[in-house]
Amino acid sequence: MKPPIYSAWLQRFDKGLELRHRMMRALNIALPKRLTRDEKEVIRETIIRCTACNHTGSCESWLDRGAPGGEAPKFCPNHALFEELLEKQSKS
């Protein structure tokens, strides 16, 4: 049996990854098959920020409303990183 703290952490991690994935789909962020070292670092940072985020309820509600506005919400800790990924995507 898993200790309760481990289960809670694992649930939070899974929820953060799920929301990150939904956010990237909503924003039409498609990762290239080959990532540069810098791109890998950005992706790693988005994972860390989403799993540590305290706005999961707001994020889920925003995504459930169809991701209005075409960009990540201002409360999103990955707002700037998602914008960076979108900008790079548009140039390629």
N, C-alpha and C. Protein backbone atom coordinates (compact mmCIF):
# COMPACT_ATOMS: atom_id res chain seq x y z
N MET A 1 0.84 -1.19 0.00
CA MET A 1 0.00 0.00 0.00
C MET A 1 0.88 1.25 0.00
N LYS A 2 0.51 2.22 -0.81
CA LYS A 2 1.29 3.45 -0.91
C LYS A 2 0.96 4.36 0.28
N PRO A 3 1.98 5.01 0.82
CA PRO A 3 1.70 5.98 1.89
C PRO A 3 0.82 7.11 1.35
N PRO A 4 -0.07 7.67 2.18
CA PRO A 4 -0.99 8.72 1.72
C PRO A 4 -0.29 9.92 1.08
N ILE A 5 0.85 10.32 1.63
CA ILE A 5 1.53 11.49 1.06
C ILE A 5 2.02 11.20 -0.35
N TYR A 6 2.48 9.97 -0.59
CA TYR A 6 2.93 9.59 -1.92
C TYR A 6 1.75 9.61 -2.90
N SER A 7 0.61 9.07 -2.47
CA SER A 7 -0.57 9.05 -3.32
C SER A 7 -1.03 10.46 -3.67
N ALA A 8 -1.02 11.34 -2.70
CA ALA A 8 -1.43 12.73 -2.94
C ALA A 8 -0.48 13.41 -3.92
N TRP A 9 0.81 13.18 -3.75
CA TRP A 9 1.79 13.79 -4.65
C TRP A 9 1.62 13.24 -6.06
N LEU A 10 1.42 11.93 -6.17
CA LEU A 10 1.26 11.30 -7.48
C LEU A 10 0.00 11.81 -8.17
N GLN A 11 -1.08 11.99 -7.44
CA GLN A 11 -2.32 12.53 -8.01
C GLN A 11 -2.09 13.96 -8.50
N ARG A 12 -1.38 14.75 -7.71
CA ARG A 12 -1.10 16.14 -8.10
C ARG A 12 -0.23 16.18 -9.36
N PHE A 13 0.77 15.31 -9.42
CA PHE A 13 1.65 15.23 -10.58
C PHE A 13 0.85 14.84 -11.82
N ASP A 14 0.04 13.79 -11.70
CA ASP A 14 -0.77 13.35 -12.83
C ASP A 14 -1.73 14.43 -13.30
N LYS A 15 -2.36 15.13 -12.36
CA LYS A 15 -3.30 16.19 -12.70
C LYS A 15 -2.58 17.33 -13.43
N GLY A 16 -1.41 17.69 -12.93
CA GLY A 16 -0.62 18.75 -13.58
C GLY A 16 -0.24 18.38 -15.00
N LEU A 17 0.18 17.12 -15.21
CA LEU A 17 0.55 16.68 -16.55
C LEU A 17 -0.66 16.65 -17.48
N GLU A 18 -1.79 16.21 -16.95
CA GLU A 18 -3.01 16.18 -17.75
C GLU A 18 -3.39 17.59 -18.20
N LEU A 19 -3.38 18.53 -17.26
CA LEU A 19 -3.74 19.92 -17.60
C LEU A 19 -2.73 20.54 -18.57
N ARG A 20 -1.46 20.25 -18.39
CA ARG A 20 -0.43 20.75 -19.31
C ARG A 20 -0.68 20.23 -20.71
N HIS A 21 -1.00 18.96 -20.81
CA HIS A 21 -1.28 18.37 -22.11
C HIS A 21 -2.52 19.01 -22.75
N ARG A 22 -3.57 19.18 -21.96
CA ARG A 22 -4.78 19.82 -22.46
C ARG A 22 -4.51 21.26 -22.91
N MET A 23 -3.71 21.98 -22.13
CA MET A 23 -3.37 23.37 -22.46
C MET A 23 -2.62 23.42 -23.79
N MET A 24 -1.65 22.54 -23.95
CA MET A 24 -0.87 22.55 -25.19
C MET A 24 -1.75 22.20 -26.39
N ARG A 25 -2.69 21.27 -26.21
CA ARG A 25 -3.63 20.96 -27.30
C ARG A 25 -4.54 22.15 -27.59
N ALA A 26 -5.04 22.78 -26.53
CA ALA A 26 -5.94 23.93 -26.71
C ALA A 26 -5.25 25.09 -27.43
N LEU A 27 -3.96 25.24 -27.19
CA LEU A 27 -3.20 26.32 -27.81
C LEU A 27 -2.59 25.91 -29.15
N ASN A 28 -2.84 24.67 -29.54
CA ASN A 28 -2.28 24.12 -30.79
C ASN A 28 -0.75 24.14 -30.80
N ILE A 29 -0.18 23.80 -29.68
CA ILE A 29 1.28 23.69 -29.61
C ILE A 29 1.65 22.26 -29.97
N ALA A 30 2.37 22.12 -31.06
CA ALA A 30 2.82 20.81 -31.51
C ALA A 30 4.34 20.77 -31.37
N LEU A 31 4.82 19.84 -30.61
CA LEU A 31 6.26 19.74 -30.42
C LEU A 31 6.90 19.03 -31.60
N PRO A 32 8.05 19.53 -32.05
CA PRO A 32 8.75 18.84 -33.13
C PRO A 32 9.27 17.48 -32.65
N LYS A 33 9.52 16.60 -33.59
CA LYS A 33 10.04 15.27 -33.22
C LYS A 33 11.43 15.36 -32.60
N ARG A 34 12.20 16.30 -33.07
CA ARG A 34 13.54 16.52 -32.52
C ARG A 34 13.56 17.87 -31.82
N LEU A 35 13.94 17.84 -30.57
CA LEU A 35 13.99 19.07 -29.78
C LEU A 35 15.44 19.48 -29.56
N THR A 36 15.66 20.77 -29.59
CA THR A 36 16.98 21.28 -29.24
C THR A 36 17.13 21.19 -27.73
N ARG A 37 18.33 21.37 -27.26
CA ARG A 37 18.58 21.36 -25.81
C ARG A 37 17.75 22.44 -25.11
N ASP A 38 17.68 23.63 -25.72
CA ASP A 38 16.89 24.72 -25.14
C ASP A 38 15.40 24.37 -25.11
N GLU A 39 14.90 23.76 -26.18
CA GLU A 39 13.49 23.37 -26.21
C GLU A 39 13.19 22.30 -25.15
N LYS A 40 14.11 21.37 -24.98
CA LYS A 40 13.93 20.35 -23.94
C LYS A 40 13.86 20.99 -22.56
N GLU A 41 14.67 22.00 -22.35
CA GLU A 41 14.65 22.70 -21.06
C GLU A 41 13.34 23.44 -20.86
N VAL A 42 12.81 24.05 -21.91
CA VAL A 42 11.52 24.74 -21.81
C VAL A 42 10.41 23.74 -21.48
N ILE A 43 10.41 22.60 -22.15
CA ILE A 43 9.40 21.57 -21.90
C ILE A 43 9.52 21.06 -20.47
N ARG A 44 10.74 20.82 -20.02
CA ARG A 44 10.97 20.38 -18.65
C ARG A 44 10.42 21.39 -17.66
N GLU A 45 10.65 22.65 -17.93
CA GLU A 45 10.17 23.72 -17.05
C GLU A 45 8.64 23.78 -17.03
N THR A 46 7.99 23.56 -18.19
CA THR A 46 6.53 23.57 -18.20
C THR A 46 5.97 22.43 -17.34
N ILE A 47 6.63 21.29 -17.38
CA ILE A 47 6.19 20.15 -16.56
C ILE A 47 6.31 20.49 -15.08
N ILE A 48 7.44 21.03 -14.69
CA ILE A 48 7.66 21.39 -13.29
C ILE A 48 6.63 22.41 -12.83
N ARG A 49 6.42 23.44 -13.64
CA ARG A 49 5.48 24.49 -13.25
C ARG A 49 4.04 23.99 -13.18
N CYS A 50 3.63 23.14 -14.12
CA CYS A 50 2.25 22.63 -14.10
C CYS A 50 2.03 21.70 -12.92
N THR A 51 3.00 20.89 -12.58
CA THR A 51 2.80 19.97 -11.47
C THR A 51 2.85 20.68 -10.13
N ALA A 52 3.45 21.85 -10.08
CA ALA A 52 3.52 22.62 -8.83
C ALA A 52 2.46 23.72 -8.76
N CYS A 53 1.67 23.88 -9.80
CA CYS A 53 0.72 24.99 -9.91
C CYS A 53 -0.41 24.89 -8.87
N ASN A 54 -0.77 26.03 -8.33
CA ASN A 54 -1.88 26.12 -7.38
C ASN A 54 -3.18 26.59 -8.02
N HIS A 55 -3.21 26.66 -9.36
CA HIS A 55 -4.39 27.16 -10.08
C HIS A 55 -5.06 26.05 -10.88
N THR A 56 -4.96 24.80 -10.44
CA THR A 56 -5.51 23.70 -11.24
C THR A 56 -7.02 23.84 -11.45
N GLY A 57 -7.75 24.29 -10.46
CA GLY A 57 -9.19 24.47 -10.61
C GLY A 57 -9.52 25.52 -11.66
N SER A 58 -8.83 26.65 -11.59
CA SER A 58 -9.04 27.73 -12.58
C SER A 58 -8.63 27.27 -13.97
N CYS A 59 -7.54 26.53 -14.04
CA CYS A 59 -7.04 26.04 -15.33
C CYS A 59 -8.06 25.08 -15.95
N GLU A 60 -8.53 24.15 -15.15
CA GLU A 60 -9.50 23.18 -15.64
C GLU A 60 -10.78 23.88 -16.12
N SER A 61 -11.25 24.86 -15.37
CA SER A 61 -12.44 25.62 -15.77
C SER A 61 -12.21 26.36 -17.08
N TRP A 62 -11.04 26.98 -17.20
CA TRP A 62 -10.69 27.73 -18.41
C TRP A 62 -10.67 26.79 -19.61
N LEU A 63 -10.06 25.63 -19.44
CA LEU A 63 -10.00 24.65 -20.53
C LEU A 63 -11.38 24.11 -20.86
N ASP A 64 -12.21 23.87 -19.84
CA ASP A 64 -13.57 23.38 -20.07
C ASP A 64 -14.44 24.39 -20.81
N ARG A 65 -14.11 25.67 -20.69
CA ARG A 65 -14.85 26.72 -21.42
C ARG A 65 -14.36 26.86 -22.85
N GLY A 66 -13.43 26.02 -23.27
CA GLY A 66 -12.95 26.05 -24.65
C GLY A 66 -11.72 26.90 -24.85
N ALA A 67 -10.99 27.19 -23.78
CA ALA A 67 -9.74 27.94 -23.88
C ALA A 67 -9.94 29.27 -24.60
N PRO A 68 -10.81 30.14 -24.08
CA PRO A 68 -11.07 31.42 -24.75
C PRO A 68 -9.84 32.32 -24.81
N GLY A 69 -9.72 33.05 -25.88
CA GLY A 69 -8.68 34.06 -25.99
C GLY A 69 -7.48 33.68 -26.83
N GLY A 70 -7.29 32.40 -27.11
CA GLY A 70 -6.21 31.99 -27.99
C GLY A 70 -4.81 32.01 -27.38
N GLU A 71 -4.71 32.30 -26.10
CA GLU A 71 -3.42 32.24 -25.43
C GLU A 71 -3.66 31.74 -24.01
N ALA A 72 -2.61 31.26 -23.38
CA ALA A 72 -2.74 30.77 -22.01
C ALA A 72 -3.23 31.90 -21.11
N PRO A 73 -4.04 31.57 -20.13
CA PRO A 73 -4.52 32.61 -19.23
C PRO A 73 -3.39 33.24 -18.43
N LYS A 74 -3.60 34.46 -18.02
CA LYS A 74 -2.56 35.21 -17.29
C LYS A 74 -2.17 34.54 -15.98
N PHE A 75 -3.09 33.79 -15.35
CA PHE A 75 -2.75 33.14 -14.09
C PHE A 75 -1.82 31.93 -14.28
N CYS A 76 -1.67 31.49 -15.51
CA CYS A 76 -0.87 30.30 -15.81
C CYS A 76 0.62 30.59 -15.60
N PRO A 77 1.29 29.78 -14.78
CA PRO A 77 2.73 30.01 -14.57
C PRO A 77 3.55 29.74 -15.83
N ASN A 78 2.95 29.09 -16.82
CA ASN A 78 3.65 28.80 -18.08
C ASN A 78 3.24 29.73 -19.21
N HIS A 79 2.50 30.78 -18.89
CA HIS A 79 2.01 31.69 -19.94
C HIS A 79 3.14 32.11 -20.89
N ALA A 80 4.21 32.64 -20.36
CA ALA A 80 5.31 33.13 -21.21
C ALA A 80 6.00 31.99 -21.96
N LEU A 81 6.15 30.84 -21.31
CA LEU A 81 6.79 29.70 -21.98
C LEU A 81 5.93 29.17 -23.12
N PHE A 82 4.62 29.11 -22.91
CA PHE A 82 3.74 28.68 -23.99
C PHE A 82 3.77 29.67 -25.15
N GLU A 83 3.83 30.95 -24.83
CA GLU A 83 3.94 31.95 -25.89
C GLU A 83 5.25 31.78 -26.66
N GLU A 84 6.32 31.48 -25.95
CA GLU A 84 7.62 31.24 -26.59
C GLU A 84 7.53 30.03 -27.53
N LEU A 85 6.91 28.97 -27.08
CA LEU A 85 6.76 27.78 -27.93
C LEU A 85 5.92 28.08 -29.15
N LEU A 86 4.84 28.84 -28.97
CA LEU A 86 4.00 29.21 -30.12
C LEU A 86 4.75 30.07 -31.12
N GLU A 87 5.54 30.98 -30.61
CA GLU A 87 6.33 31.85 -31.50
C GLU A 87 7.33 31.02 -32.31
N LYS A 88 8.04 30.13 -31.65
CA LYS A 88 8.99 29.27 -32.36
C LYS A 88 8.29 28.38 -33.38
N GLN A 89 7.11 27.90 -33.00
CA GLN A 89 6.34 27.05 -33.91
C GLN A 89 5.93 27.81 -35.15
N SER A 90 5.53 29.06 -34.99
CA SER A 90 5.09 29.86 -36.13
C SER A 90 6.23 30.19 -37.10
N LYS A 91 7.45 30.19 -36.59
CA LYS A 91 8.61 30.51 -37.43
C LYS A 91 9.14 29.29 -38.18
N SER A 92 8.70 28.11 -37.78
CA SER A 92 9.23 26.91 -38.45
C SER A 92 8.28 26.34 -39.48
